[in-house]
Protein backbone atom coordinates (compact mmCIF):
# COMPACT_ATOMS: atom_id res chain seq x y z
CA UNK A 1 0.00 0.00 0.00
CA UNK A 2 1.37 3.42 -0.95
CA UNK A 3 1.99 5.70 2.02
CA UNK A 4 0.77 9.24 1.28
CA UNK A 5 2.71 12.00 2.93
CA UNK A 6 1.06 14.33 5.38
CA UNK A 7 -0.44 17.70 4.47
CA UNK A 8 -0.78 20.58 6.94
CA UNK A 9 -4.01 22.55 6.80
CA UNK A 10 -4.95 25.89 8.35
CA UNK A 11 -8.54 27.11 8.32
CA UNK A 12 -9.48 30.64 9.32
CA UNK A 13 -13.20 30.78 10.06
CA UNK A 14 -15.58 33.68 9.79
CA UNK A 15 -19.30 33.67 10.50
CA UNK A 16 -20.27 32.90 6.92
CA UNK A 17 -16.99 32.12 5.14
CA UNK A 18 -13.71 30.32 5.62
CA UNK A 19 -10.23 30.67 4.20
CA UNK A 20 -8.14 27.50 3.87
CA UNK A 21 -4.42 26.99 3.18
CA UNK A 22 -2.67 23.65 2.68
CA UNK A 23 1.05 23.04 2.86
CA UNK A 24 1.51 20.03 0.59
CA UNK A 25 4.27 17.41 1.02
CA UNK A 26 6.26 19.11 -1.77
CA UNK A 27 6.07 22.40 0.26
CA UNK A 28 3.75 23.96 -2.31
CA UNK A 29 1.02 26.05 -0.69
CA UNK A 30 -2.48 25.80 -2.10
CA UNK A 31 -5.70 27.19 -0.81
CA UNK A 32 -9.24 28.24 -1.41
CA UNK A 33 -12.16 29.80 0.38
CA UNK A 34 -15.82 29.07 0.68
CA UNK A 35 -18.98 29.52 2.65
CA UNK A 36 -19.65 27.83 5.98
CA UNK A 37 -23.05 26.39 5.05
CA UNK A 38 -23.55 22.67 5.65
CA UNK A 39 -23.37 21.92 1.91
CA UNK A 40 -20.14 23.91 1.46
CA UNK A 41 -18.57 22.35 4.56
CA UNK A 42 -19.30 18.89 3.14
CA UNK A 43 -17.56 19.91 -0.12
CA UNK A 44 -14.57 21.00 1.98
CA UNK A 45 -14.47 17.67 3.86
CA UNK A 46 -14.47 15.80 0.54
CA UNK A 47 -11.21 17.57 -0.37
CA UNK A 48 -9.47 16.70 2.90
CA UNK A 49 -7.51 13.49 3.47
CA UNK A 50 -7.44 11.22 6.50
CA UNK A 51 -3.74 11.90 7.13
CA UNK A 52 -4.15 15.71 7.08
CA UNK A 53 -3.22 17.66 10.18
CA UNK A 54 -5.76 20.51 10.48
CA UNK A 55 -5.71 23.65 12.67
CA UNK A 56 -8.53 26.12 13.26
CA UNK A 57 -8.92 29.13 15.52
CA UNK A 58 -11.30 28.66 18.45
CA UNK A 59 -14.96 29.60 17.91
CA UNK A 60 -18.31 27.81 18.13
CA UNK A 61 -18.22 26.84 14.46
CA UNK A 62 -14.72 25.37 14.91
CA UNK A 63 -16.09 22.91 17.47
CA UNK A 64 -18.85 21.86 15.07
CA UNK A 65 -16.49 21.53 12.11
CA UNK A 66 -13.85 19.65 14.11
CA UNK A 67 -16.43 17.12 15.20
CA UNK A 68 -17.72 16.76 11.63
CA UNK A 69 -14.18 16.36 10.24
CA UNK A 70 -13.26 13.70 12.76
CA UNK A 71 -16.41 11.72 11.87
CA UNK A 72 -16.34 12.18 8.08
CA UNK A 73 -12.64 12.51 7.20
CA UNK A 74 -10.95 10.90 10.23
CA UNK A 75 -8.16 13.48 10.11
CA UNK A 76 -6.29 15.05 13.01
CA UNK A 77 -8.01 18.33 13.94
CA UNK A 78 -6.71 20.81 16.50
CA UNK A 79 -8.49 23.91 17.71
CA UNK A 80 -6.05 26.63 18.74
CA UNK A 81 -6.49 29.84 20.69
CA UNK A 82 -5.05 32.42 18.27
CA UNK A 83 -5.40 35.08 20.97
CA UNK A 84 -2.55 33.34 22.77
CA UNK A 85 -0.43 32.72 19.67
CA UNK A 86 1.92 35.69 19.20
CA UNK A 87 2.63 34.72 15.57
CA UNK A 88 -1.02 35.53 14.79
CA UNK A 89 -2.12 38.27 17.16
CA UNK A 90 1.13 40.32 16.92
CA UNK A 91 1.20 40.07 13.15
CA UNK A 92 1.33 43.26 11.11
CA UNK A 93 -0.05 41.37 8.12
CA UNK A 94 -3.53 40.56 9.41
CA UNK A 95 -5.94 38.96 6.98
CA UNK A 96 -7.77 35.64 6.67
CA UNK A 97 -5.39 34.18 4.07
CA UNK A 98 -2.34 34.97 6.18
CA UNK A 99 -3.96 33.64 9.35
CA UNK A 100 -4.90 30.37 7.61
CA UNK A 101 -1.33 29.98 6.34
CA UNK A 102 0.10 30.70 9.79
CA UNK A 103 -2.16 28.03 11.30
CA UNK A 104 -0.96 25.52 8.67
CA UNK A 105 2.68 26.41 9.40
CA UNK A 106 2.11 25.97 13.12
CA UNK A 107 0.76 22.47 12.50
CA UNK A 108 3.80 21.68 10.36
CA UNK A 109 6.48 22.99 12.73
CA UNK A 110 5.06 22.19 16.16
CA UNK A 111 4.01 19.06 17.96
CA UNK A 112 0.66 19.00 19.81
CA UNK A 113 2.40 19.37 23.18
CA UNK A 114 3.83 22.73 22.08
CA UNK A 115 0.50 24.19 20.97
CA UNK A 116 -2.28 25.78 23.01
CA UNK A 117 -4.92 23.25 22.01
CA UNK A 118 -8.53 23.71 23.07
CA UNK A 119 -10.19 20.35 23.68
CA UNK A 120 -13.48 19.56 21.99
CA UNK A 121 -16.40 19.83 24.41
CA UNK A 122 -18.69 16.85 24.83
CA UNK A 123 -22.34 17.00 23.75
CA UNK A 124 -23.28 17.40 27.42
CA UNK A 125 -20.86 20.30 27.80
CA UNK A 126 -22.20 21.98 24.65
CA UNK A 127 -25.78 21.72 25.99
CA UNK A 128 -24.61 23.13 29.33
CA UNK A 129 -22.88 26.07 27.62
CA UNK A 130 -26.00 26.83 25.57
CA UNK A 131 -28.15 26.73 28.69
CA UNK A 132 -25.81 29.07 30.58
CA UNK A 133 -25.62 31.46 27.62
CA UNK A 134 -29.43 31.57 27.44
CA UNK A 135 -29.62 32.15 31.22
CA UNK A 136 -27.15 35.07 31.01
CA UNK A 137 -29.06 36.58 28.10
CA UNK A 138 -32.40 36.35 29.91
CA UNK A 139 -30.88 37.85 33.05
CA UNK A 140 -29.48 40.78 31.03
CA UNK A 141 -32.84 41.25 29.34
CA UNK A 142 -34.61 41.30 32.72
CA UNK A 143 -32.19 43.93 34.07
CA UNK A 144 -32.67 46.07 30.96
CA UNK A 145 -36.46 45.92 31.30
CA UNK A 146 -36.33 46.72 35.03
CA UNK A 147 -34.17 49.77 34.26
CA UNK A 148 -36.64 50.90 31.60
CA UNK A 149 -39.57 50.41 34.00
CA UNK A 150 -37.76 52.39 36.70
CA UNK A 151 -37.11 55.20 34.20
CA UNK A 152 -40.83 55.30 33.32
CA UNK A 153 -41.77 55.70 37.01
CA UNK A 154 -39.15 58.39 37.61
CA UNK A 155 -40.18 60.33 34.48
CA UNK A 156 -43.79 60.20 35.73
CA UNK A 157 -42.69 61.63 39.08
CA UNK A 158 -42.88 58.44 41.18
CA UNK A 159 -39.44 58.75 42.76
CA UNK A 160 -40.36 56.58 45.76
CA UNK A 161 -40.40 53.51 43.50
CA UNK A 162 -36.81 52.32 43.50
CA UNK A 163 -35.21 49.54 41.46
CA UNK A 164 -35.03 47.31 44.51
CA UNK A 165 -38.84 47.28 44.77
CA UNK A 166 -39.17 46.44 41.07
CA UNK A 167 -36.75 43.52 41.43
CA UNK A 168 -38.86 41.76 44.06
CA UNK A 169 -40.33 38.49 42.88
CA UNK A 170 -44.11 38.57 42.48
CA UNK A 171 -46.04 36.66 45.11
CA UNK A 172 -47.28 33.25 44.10
CA UNK A 173 -51.04 33.31 43.74
CA UNK A 174 -52.74 30.21 45.11
CA UNK A 175 -55.87 29.04 43.42
């Protein structure tokens, strides 16, 4: 069986698009970009190989894509925190193509132990994070509405109604 040599892949993700760079075994750099829709991601996975070593910057979509890549392509995927990688955040040349190439170079020149790898969260952890995010959002919304209500009372001249009174939980009505 012919042993194919390893490629090093860097993917810079945006909300709706991605930029990809591959360092091929012959050191030639190739790349492309695309959209992050499910159909376009599946086209991307079809172009990857099982012996590829892939790096992406940390974001919610990176967790989804890493999981999909591991299931569909069976390649090595690492999520890195670019905010803690000086080669990326100190760069004067800051664009998606450059960031993708830098991620590919990091995968080529460094072992996993040398990189700031973010581990993939489990399904349970993802659900927990979503629940906490929703809780924080609802709490912020409640505070905003209480502040607006307080402003309405003050503008109407009811200065004795303070925010603390508005924050009290309503009494439970028994039937």
